C-alpha atoms as a PDB file:
ATOM      1  CA  MET A   1      69.347  47.834  44.932  1.00  0.00           C
ATOM      2  CA  ASN A   2      72.418  49.813  43.951  1.00  0.00           C
ATOM      3  CA  LEU A   3      74.787  47.334  42.311  1.00  0.00           C
ATOM      4  CA  ASP A   4      77.423  50.072  42.042  1.00  0.00           C
ATOM      5  CA  LEU A   5      78.144  49.495  45.752  1.00  0.00           C
ATOM      6  CA  PHE A   6      79.597  46.093  44.849  1.00  0.00           C
ATOM      7  CA  ASN A   7      83.158  45.741  43.545  1.00  0.00           C
ATOM      8  CA  TYR A   8      83.007  41.984  42.950  1.00  0.00           C
ATOM      9  CA  LYS A   9      80.761  39.979  40.615  1.00  0.00           C
ATOM     10  CA  THR A  10      80.925  36.305  39.631  1.00  0.00           C
ATOM     11  CA  TYR A  11      78.926  33.927  37.456  1.00  0.00           C
ATOM     12  CA  ILE A  12      76.897  31.208  39.218  1.00  0.00           C
ATOM     13  CA  PRO A  13      75.988  28.141  37.130  1.00  0.00           C
ATOM     14  CA  VAL A  14      72.492  26.777  37.726  1.00  0.00           C
ATOM     15  CA  ARG A  15      72.652  22.989  37.926  1.00  0.00           C
ATOM     16  CA  PHE A  16      69.742  20.674  37.170  1.00  0.00           C
ATOM     17  CA  GLY A  17      70.005  19.318  40.719  1.00  0.00           C
ATOM     18  CA  ASP A  18      69.380  22.836  42.099  1.00  0.00           C
ATOM     19  CA  LEU A  19      65.771  22.761  40.903  1.00  0.00           C
ATOM     20  CA  ASN A  20      62.611  21.845  42.762  1.00  0.00           C
ATOM     21  CA  ALA A  21      59.632  19.998  41.253  1.00  0.00           C
ATOM     22  CA  PHE A  22      58.310  23.260  39.790  1.00  0.00           C
ATOM     23  CA  GLY A  23      61.490  24.018  37.823  1.00  0.00           C
ATOM     24  CA  PHE A  24      62.751  26.804  40.068  1.00  0.00           C
ATOM     25  CA  VAL A  25      65.944  26.895  42.119  1.00  0.00           C
ATOM     26  CA  ASN A  26      65.052  25.399  45.491  1.00  0.00           C
ATOM     27  CA  ASN A  27      65.200  27.806  48.430  1.00  0.00           C
ATOM     28  CA  ASP A  28      68.008  25.935  50.229  1.00  0.00           C
ATOM     29  CA  ILE A  29      70.322  26.299  47.218  1.00  0.00           C
ATOM     30  CA  TYR A  30      70.553  30.081  47.587  1.00  0.00           C
ATOM     31  CA  LEU A  31      72.963  29.695  50.509  1.00  0.00           C
ATOM     32  CA  THR A  32      75.074  27.449  48.274  1.00  0.00           C
ATOM     33  CA  TYR A  33      75.130  30.215  45.653  1.00  0.00           C
ATOM     34  CA  PHE A  34      76.228  32.683  48.353  1.00  0.00           C
ATOM     35  CA  GLU A  35      78.940  30.223  49.396  1.00  0.00           C
ATOM     36  CA  ILE A  36      80.196  29.819  45.817  1.00  0.00           C
ATOM     37  CA  ALA A  37      80.309  33.597  45.443  1.00  0.00           C
ATOM     38  CA  HIS A  38      82.056  34.406  48.719  1.00  0.00           C
ATOM     39  CA  THR A  39      84.555  31.556  48.283  1.00  0.00           C
ATOM     40  CA  GLU A  40      85.641  33.020  44.930  1.00  0.00           C
ATOM     41  CA  TYR A  41      85.749  36.494  46.478  1.00  0.00           C
ATOM     42  CA  TRP A  42      87.938  35.290  49.353  1.00  0.00           C
ATOM     43  CA  LYS A  43      90.286  33.376  47.035  1.00  0.00           C
ATOM     44  CA  LYS A  44      90.756  36.179  44.520  1.00  0.00           C
ATOM     45  CA  ILE A  45      90.504  39.333  46.626  1.00  0.00           C
ATOM     46  CA  ILE A  46      91.261  38.447  50.241  1.00  0.00           C
ATOM     47  CA  GLN A  47      93.553  35.439  49.619  1.00  0.00           C
ATOM     48  CA  TRP A  48      92.855  33.345  52.738  1.00  0.00           C
ATOM     49  CA  GLU A  49      95.627  30.776  53.096  1.00  0.00           C
ATOM     50  CA  SER A  50      95.430  29.220  56.561  1.00  0.00           C
ATOM     51  CA  LYS A  51      94.795  25.518  57.139  1.00  0.00           C
ATOM     52  CA  THR A  52      94.170  25.825  60.903  1.00  0.00           C
ATOM     53  CA  GLN A  53      92.011  28.945  60.847  1.00  0.00           C
ATOM     54  CA  GLY A  54      89.099  29.749  58.608  1.00  0.00           C
ATOM     55  CA  ILE A  55      85.695  31.266  58.259  1.00  0.00           C
ATOM     56  CA  ILE A  56      82.429  29.917  59.586  1.00  0.00           C
ATOM     57  CA  ILE A  57      78.971  31.396  59.112  1.00  0.00           C
ATOM     58  CA  GLY A  58      77.471  32.744  62.328  1.00  0.00           C
ATOM     59  CA  LYS A  59      74.215  33.992  60.809  1.00  0.00           C
ATOM     60  CA  ALA A  60      72.600  34.002  57.369  1.00  0.00           C
ATOM     61  CA  GLU A  61      69.620  35.807  55.933  1.00  0.00           C
ATOM     62  CA  ILE A  62      68.032  35.525  52.497  1.00  0.00           C
ATOM     63  CA  ASN A  63      65.456  37.802  50.898  1.00  0.00           C
ATOM     64  CA  TYR A  64      63.706  36.071  47.990  1.00  0.00           C
ATOM     65  CA  ILE A  65      62.456  38.562  45.410  1.00  0.00           C
ATOM     66  CA  LYS A  66      62.019  36.614  42.144  1.00  0.00           C
ATOM     67  CA  PRO A  67      62.499  32.929  41.383  1.00  0.00           C
ATOM     68  CA  ILE A  68      65.512  31.649  39.447  1.00  0.00           C
ATOM     69  CA  GLU A  69      64.991  29.073  36.703  1.00  0.00           C
ATOM     70  CA  PHE A  70      67.333  26.591  35.050  1.00  0.00           C
ATOM     71  CA  VAL A  71      67.549  28.680  31.856  1.00  0.00           C
ATOM     72  CA  ASN A  72      68.620  31.850  33.722  1.00  0.00           C
ATOM     73  CA  GLU A  73      72.129  33.293  33.556  1.00  0.00           C
ATOM     74  CA  VAL A  74      72.847  34.060  37.221  1.00  0.00           C
ATOM     75  CA  TYR A  75      75.431  36.451  38.668  1.00  0.00           C
ATOM     76  CA  ALA A  76      76.323  37.063  42.302  1.00  0.00           C
ATOM     77  CA  TYR A  77      77.540  40.370  43.661  1.00  0.00           C
ATOM     78  CA  VAL A  78      79.526  40.185  46.899  1.00  0.00           C
ATOM     79  CA  ARG A  79      80.852  42.815  49.280  1.00  0.00           C
ATOM     80  CA  THR A  80      82.207  43.073  52.775  1.00  0.00           C
ATOM     81  CA  ALA A  81      80.018  45.668  54.446  1.00  0.00           C
ATOM     82  CA  ARG A  82      81.335  45.681  58.039  1.00  0.00           C
ATOM     83  CA  ILE A  83      84.440  44.436  59.820  1.00  0.00           C
ATOM     84  CA  GLY A  84      84.729  43.763  63.539  1.00  0.00           C
ATOM     85  CA  ASN A  85      87.448  42.089  65.626  1.00  0.00           C
ATOM     86  CA  CYS A  86      86.560  38.479  64.801  1.00  0.00           C
ATOM     87  CA  SER A  87      83.579  38.835  62.478  1.00  0.00           C
ATOM     88  CA  PHE A  88      82.536  40.633  59.342  1.00  0.00           C
ATOM     89  CA  ASP A  89      79.322  41.049  57.357  1.00  0.00           C
ATOM     90  CA  VAL A  90      79.111  39.974  53.740  1.00  0.00           C
ATOM     91  CA  GLU A  91      76.243  41.190  51.569  1.00  0.00           C
ATOM     92  CA  TYR A  92      75.034  39.447  48.415  1.00  0.00           C
ATOM     93  CA  VAL A  93      72.826  40.195  45.441  1.00  0.00           C
ATOM     94  CA  LEU A  94      71.841  37.497  42.954  1.00  0.00           C
ATOM     95  CA  THR A  95      70.757  38.738  39.539  1.00  0.00           C
ATOM     96  CA  ILE A  96      69.579  37.174  36.315  1.00  0.00           C
ATOM     97  CA  GLN A  97      70.424  38.524  32.910  1.00  0.00           C
ATOM     98  CA  LYS A  98      67.433  39.674  30.852  1.00  0.00           C
ATOM     99  CA  PRO A  99      67.361  41.479  27.486  1.00  0.00           C
ATOM    100  CA  GLU A 100      66.586  44.732  29.339  1.00  0.00           C
ATOM    101  CA  GLY A 101      69.501  44.227  31.766  1.00  0.00           C
ATOM    102  CA  GLU A 102      70.132  42.584  35.108  1.00  0.00           C
ATOM    103  CA  VAL A 103      67.159  41.846  37.336  1.00  0.00           C
ATOM    104  CA  VAL A 104      67.647  41.414  41.089  1.00  0.00           C
ATOM    105  CA  CYS A 105      66.274  38.057  42.289  1.00  0.00           C
ATOM    106  CA  THR A 106      67.691  37.691  45.773  1.00  0.00           C
ATOM    107  CA  THR A 107      69.550  39.682  48.392  1.00  0.00           C
ATOM    108  CA  GLY A 108      71.194  38.377  51.502  1.00  0.00           C
ATOM    109  CA  LYS A 109      73.754  38.762  54.216  1.00  0.00           C
ATOM    110  CA  THR A 110      75.995  36.487  56.228  1.00  0.00           C
ATOM    111  CA  VAL A 111      77.829  37.253  59.429  1.00  0.00           C
ATOM    112  CA  CYS A 112      81.171  35.509  58.979  1.00  0.00           C
ATOM    113  CA  VAL A 113      83.352  34.592  61.940  1.00  0.00           C
ATOM    114  CA  PHE A 114      87.090  34.049  61.667  1.00  0.00           C
ATOM    115  CA  TYR A 115      87.623  30.827  63.590  1.00  0.00           C
ATOM    116  CA  ASP A 116      90.645  29.051  65.058  1.00  0.00           C
ATOM    117  CA  PHE A 117      89.859  25.345  64.641  1.00  0.00           C
ATOM    118  CA  ALA A 118      92.784  24.215  66.829  1.00  0.00           C
ATOM    119  CA  GLU A 119      91.607  26.404  69.733  1.00  0.00           C
ATOM    120  CA  GLY A 120      87.920  25.822  69.026  1.00  0.00           C
ATOM    121  CA  LYS A 121      86.954  29.495  69.240  1.00  0.00           C
ATOM    122  CA  PRO A 122      86.736  32.734  67.257  1.00  0.00           C
ATOM    123  CA  ALA A 123      90.010  34.521  66.570  1.00  0.00           C
ATOM    124  CA  ALA A 124      91.002  38.006  65.476  1.00  0.00           C
ATOM    125  CA  ILE A 125      90.851  38.516  61.720  1.00  0.00           C
ATOM    126  CA  PRO A 126      94.461  38.546  60.468  1.00  0.00           C
ATOM    127  CA  GLU A 127      95.662  42.078  59.743  1.00  0.00           C
ATOM    128  CA  VAL A 128      96.710  41.277  56.158  1.00  0.00           C
ATOM    129  CA  GLN A 129      93.241  40.036  55.192  1.00  0.00           C
ATOM    130  CA  ARG A 130      91.555  42.811  57.183  1.00  0.00           C
ATOM    131  CA  GLU A 131      93.533  45.415  55.237  1.00  0.00           C
ATOM    132  CA  LYS A 132      92.708  43.742  51.905  1.00  0.00           C
ATOM    133  CA  MET A 133      88.979  43.852  52.697  1.00  0.00           C
ATOM    134  CA  ILE A 134      89.136  47.484  53.800  1.00  0.00           C
ATOM    135  CA  ALA A 135      91.128  48.542  50.739  1.00  0.00           C
ATOM    136  CA  PHE A 136      89.111  46.556  48.178  1.00  0.00           C
ATOM    137  CA  GLU A 137      85.791  47.753  49.558  1.00  0.00           C
ATOM    138  CA  ALA A 138      87.027  51.275  50.402  1.00  0.00           C
ATOM    139  CA  LEU A 139      85.294  50.912  53.772  1.00  0.00           C
ATOM    140  CA  SER A 140      84.714  54.023  55.829  1.00  0.00           C
ATOM    141  CA  GLU A 141      85.515  54.287  59.540  1.00  0.00           C
ATOM    142  CA  GLU A 142      81.857  53.715  60.467  1.00  0.00           C
ATOM    143  CA  ASN A 143      82.057  50.225  58.882  1.00  0.00           C
ATOM    144  CA  ILE A 144      85.237  49.248  60.728  1.00  0.00           C
ATOM    145  CA  LEU A 145      84.272  48.262  64.244  1.00  0.00           C
ATOM    146  CA  TYR A 146      87.476  47.182  65.914  1.00  0.00           C
ATOM    147  CA  LYS A 147      90.188  48.699  68.035  1.00  0.00           C
ATOM    148  CA  MET A 148      93.854  47.811  67.675  1.00  0.00           C
END
């Protein structure tokens, strides 16, 4: 996994309640870690501000590589990999810090849908946020799948 493809990284605290009976982070918590990471990304980089429109997850996938334990220092890498009219793909990598460097534990992807809660349906991603994602990620034309 090439972590150089990611322009955003954030620390994820492992809570005691995240653990299963064997002392590892339970599999359902990984989506919570993705949510923590992409929420920070959206606040700091994209700056979503709407109260009537927001983002819902249309699809999620998780690839478990190595378990995470309570004592691990966990970091999440986040990037927008594709942008469409109403949806965009976000990729994640969870790593733990070891003396020899970062070790990849988990990778994943969510398909995020910009949603108009008042209308009850997907809506076009606002141009301001679209441009922030494109600029921050330096996305190429092949990763931008919409027509104006």
